[in-house]
C-alpha cells in the first residue's frame, strides 16, 4: 500500500472519532458554562453558555481532527523512513551474497 493511501486511510480513521469526541466535549463545555453563576459586571464580561457552545462546537472537533490526522501522518512518514532504512542493509547483504555465488 502506498504511503499516501496509508496516511489517508489511517488519518481518517483517527480524525473522525476525534471529531465526534470533540463535538461531545464542546457540548459538555457549553453545559458547564451555562450552569455557572450569573455574569459579573466589570471590565471583563464573561461569555454566556450559548456563546461558549457556539464557539466550541466547530472549533474543538475541527482542531482535534486536524491534530489527530497530523499525528497519524507524521507517524506514518516516520514509520516509512524507519522501515526503509532498516531494509536497505538487508537488500545489500542479499545482493552481495548473490554476487559471491
C-alpha atoms as a PDB file:
ATOM      1  CA  UNK A   1       0.000   0.000   0.000  1.00  0.00           C
ATOM      2  CA  UNK A   2       1.381   3.412  -0.892  1.00  0.00           C
ATOM      3  CA  UNK A   3       2.293   5.974   1.723  1.00  0.00           C
ATOM      4  CA  UNK A   4      -0.383   8.455   0.623  1.00  0.00           C
ATOM      5  CA  UNK A   5      -3.113   5.846   0.758  1.00  0.00           C
ATOM      6  CA  UNK A   6      -1.978   4.652   4.194  1.00  0.00           C
ATOM      7  CA  UNK A   7      -1.910   8.223   5.522  1.00  0.00           C
ATOM      8  CA  UNK A   8      -5.354   8.924   4.108  1.00  0.00           C
ATOM      9  CA  UNK A   9      -6.974   5.769   5.466  1.00  0.00           C
ATOM     10  CA  UNK A  10      -5.358   5.819   8.896  1.00  0.00           C
ATOM     11  CA  UNK A  11      -5.652   9.595   9.201  1.00  0.00           C
ATOM     12  CA  UNK A  12      -9.376   9.490   8.527  1.00  0.00           C
ATOM     13  CA  UNK A  13      -9.801   6.591  10.930  1.00  0.00           C
ATOM     14  CA  UNK A  14      -8.222   8.779  13.603  1.00  0.00           C
ATOM     15  CA  UNK A  15      -9.796  12.118  12.630  1.00  0.00           C
ATOM     16  CA  UNK A  16     -13.450  11.057  12.510  1.00  0.00           C
ATOM     17  CA  UNK A  17     -13.662   9.618  16.052  1.00  0.00           C
ATOM     18  CA  UNK A  18     -11.650  12.543  17.404  1.00  0.00           C
ATOM     19  CA  UNK A  19     -14.065  14.981  15.762  1.00  0.00           C
ATOM     20  CA  UNK A  20     -17.005  13.163  17.345  1.00  0.00           C
ATOM     21  CA  UNK A  21     -15.299  13.221  20.742  1.00  0.00           C
ATOM     22  CA  UNK A  22     -14.578  16.922  20.266  1.00  0.00           C
ATOM     23  CA  UNK A  23     -18.223  17.600  19.486  1.00  0.00           C
ATOM     24  CA  UNK A  24     -19.332  15.853  22.666  1.00  0.00           C
ATOM     25  CA  UNK A  25     -16.708  17.712  24.702  1.00  0.00           C
ATOM     26  CA  UNK A  26     -17.862  21.022  23.194  1.00  0.00           C
ATOM     27  CA  UNK A  27     -21.452  20.287  24.212  1.00  0.00           C
ATOM     28  CA  UNK A  28     -20.295  19.395  27.720  1.00  0.00           C
ATOM     29  CA  UNK A  29     -18.307  22.636  27.928  1.00  0.00           C
ATOM     30  CA  UNK A  30     -21.414  24.563  26.887  1.00  0.00           C
ATOM     31  CA  UNK A  31     -23.476  22.822  29.538  1.00  0.00           C
ATOM     32  CA  UNK A  32     -20.861  23.589  32.161  1.00  0.00           C
ATOM     33  CA  UNK A  33     -20.603  27.252  31.080  1.00  0.00           C
ATOM     34  CA  UNK A  34     -24.384  27.720  31.123  1.00  0.00           C
ATOM     35  CA  UNK A  35     -24.627  26.268  34.626  1.00  0.00           C
ATOM     36  CA  UNK A  36     -22.232  28.843  36.059  1.00  0.00           C
ATOM     37  CA  UNK A  37     -23.436  31.684  38.254  1.00  0.00           C
ATOM     38  CA  UNK A  38     -24.688  34.984  36.890  1.00  0.00           C
ATOM     39  CA  UNK A  39     -22.318  37.201  34.946  1.00  0.00           C
ATOM     40  CA  UNK A  40     -20.286  39.730  36.877  1.00  0.00           C
ATOM     41  CA  UNK A  41     -20.234  43.340  35.911  1.00  0.00           C
ATOM     42  CA  UNK A  42     -16.799  44.749  35.367  1.00  0.00           C
ATOM     43  CA  UNK A  43     -14.189  45.290  32.720  1.00  0.00           C
ATOM     44  CA  UNK A  44     -14.048  41.651  31.597  1.00  0.00           C
ATOM     45  CA  UNK A  45     -17.536  40.332  30.959  1.00  0.00           C
ATOM     46  CA  UNK A  46     -17.650  36.543  30.813  1.00  0.00           C
ATOM     47  CA  UNK A  47     -19.206  34.784  27.828  1.00  0.00           C
ATOM     48  CA  UNK A  48     -22.563  33.113  28.251  1.00  0.00           C
ATOM     49  CA  UNK A  49     -23.021  29.371  27.882  1.00  0.00           C
ATOM     50  CA  UNK A  50     -24.596  29.743  24.446  1.00  0.00           C
ATOM     51  CA  UNK A  51     -21.622  31.752  23.198  1.00  0.00           C
ATOM     52  CA  UNK A  52     -19.195  29.172  24.550  1.00  0.00           C
ATOM     53  CA  UNK A  53     -21.136  26.333  22.943  1.00  0.00           C
ATOM     54  CA  UNK A  54     -21.352  28.146  19.597  1.00  0.00           C
ATOM     55  CA  UNK A  55     -17.608  28.780  19.594  1.00  0.00           C
ATOM     56  CA  UNK A  56     -16.594  25.316  20.755  1.00  0.00           C
ATOM     57  CA  UNK A  57     -18.975  23.288  18.580  1.00  0.00           C
ATOM     58  CA  UNK A  58     -16.970  23.953  15.449  1.00  0.00           C
ATOM     59  CA  UNK A  59     -13.508  24.744  16.885  1.00  0.00           C
ATOM     60  CA  UNK A  60     -12.916  21.795  19.178  1.00  0.00           C
ATOM     61  CA  UNK A  61     -13.905  18.995  16.732  1.00  0.00           C
ATOM     62  CA  UNK A  62     -12.010  20.668  13.903  1.00  0.00           C
ATOM     63  CA  UNK A  63      -8.775  21.084  15.840  1.00  0.00           C
ATOM     64  CA  UNK A  64      -8.947  17.610  17.360  1.00  0.00           C
ATOM     65  CA  UNK A  65      -9.481  16.087  13.899  1.00  0.00           C
ATOM     66  CA  UNK A  66      -6.638  18.121  12.364  1.00  0.00           C
ATOM     67  CA  UNK A  67      -4.333  17.253  15.236  1.00  0.00           C
ATOM     68  CA  UNK A  68      -5.169  13.545  15.004  1.00  0.00           C
ATOM     69  CA  UNK A  69      -4.688  13.482  11.252  1.00  0.00           C
ATOM     70  CA  UNK A  70      -1.345  15.304  11.557  1.00  0.00           C
ATOM     71  CA  UNK A  71      -0.190  12.929  14.297  1.00  0.00           C
ATOM     72  CA  UNK A  72      -1.009   9.906  12.127  1.00  0.00           C
ATOM     73  CA  UNK A  73       0.612  11.452   9.042  1.00  0.00           C
ATOM     74  CA  UNK A  74       3.828  12.184  10.918  1.00  0.00           C
ATOM     75  CA  UNK A  75       3.799   8.692  12.409  1.00  0.00           C
ATOM     76  CA  UNK A  76       3.314   7.059   9.013  1.00  0.00           C
ATOM     77  CA  UNK A  77       6.148   9.072   7.467  1.00  0.00           C
ATOM     78  CA  UNK A  78       8.480   8.178  10.345  1.00  0.00           C
ATOM     79  CA  UNK A  79       7.421   4.534  10.080  1.00  0.00           C
ATOM     80  CA  UNK A  80       8.119   4.505   6.347  1.00  0.00           C
ATOM     81  CA  UNK A  81      11.517   6.160   6.758  1.00  0.00           C
ATOM     82  CA  UNK A  82      12.431   3.811   9.575  1.00  0.00           C
ATOM     83  CA  UNK A  83      11.379   0.680   7.686  1.00  0.00           C
ATOM     84  CA  UNK A  84      13.211   1.693   4.501  1.00  0.00           C
ATOM     85  CA  UNK A  85      16.406   2.364   6.444  1.00  0.00           C
ATOM     86  CA  UNK A  86      16.103  -0.996   8.167  1.00  0.00           C
ATOM     87  CA  UNK A  87      15.505  -2.820   4.863  1.00  0.00           C
ATOM     88  CA  UNK A  88      18.384  -1.264   2.920  1.00  0.00           C
ATOM     89  CA  UNK A  89      21.219  -3.203   4.612  1.00  0.00           C
ATOM     90  CA  UNK A  90      19.371  -6.496   4.189  1.00  0.00           C
ATOM     91  CA  UNK A  91      18.960  -5.919   0.473  1.00  0.00           C
ATOM     92  CA  UNK A  92      22.612  -5.048   0.037  1.00  0.00           C
ATOM     93  CA  UNK A  93      23.672  -8.093   2.046  1.00  0.00           C
ATOM     94  CA  UNK A  94      21.478 -10.315  -0.126  1.00  0.00           C
ATOM     95  CA  UNK A  95      22.925  -8.743  -3.269  1.00  0.00           C
ATOM     96  CA  UNK A  96      26.465  -9.326  -2.009  1.00  0.00           C
ATOM     97  CA  UNK A  97      25.672 -12.985  -1.270  1.00  0.00           C
ATOM     98  CA  UNK A  98      24.283 -13.429  -4.777  1.00  0.00           C
ATOM     99  CA  UNK A  99      27.361 -11.850  -6.324  1.00  0.00           C
ATOM    100  CA  UNK A 100      29.704 -14.131  -4.354  1.00  0.00           C
ATOM    101  CA  UNK A 101      27.982 -17.296  -5.509  1.00  0.00           C
END
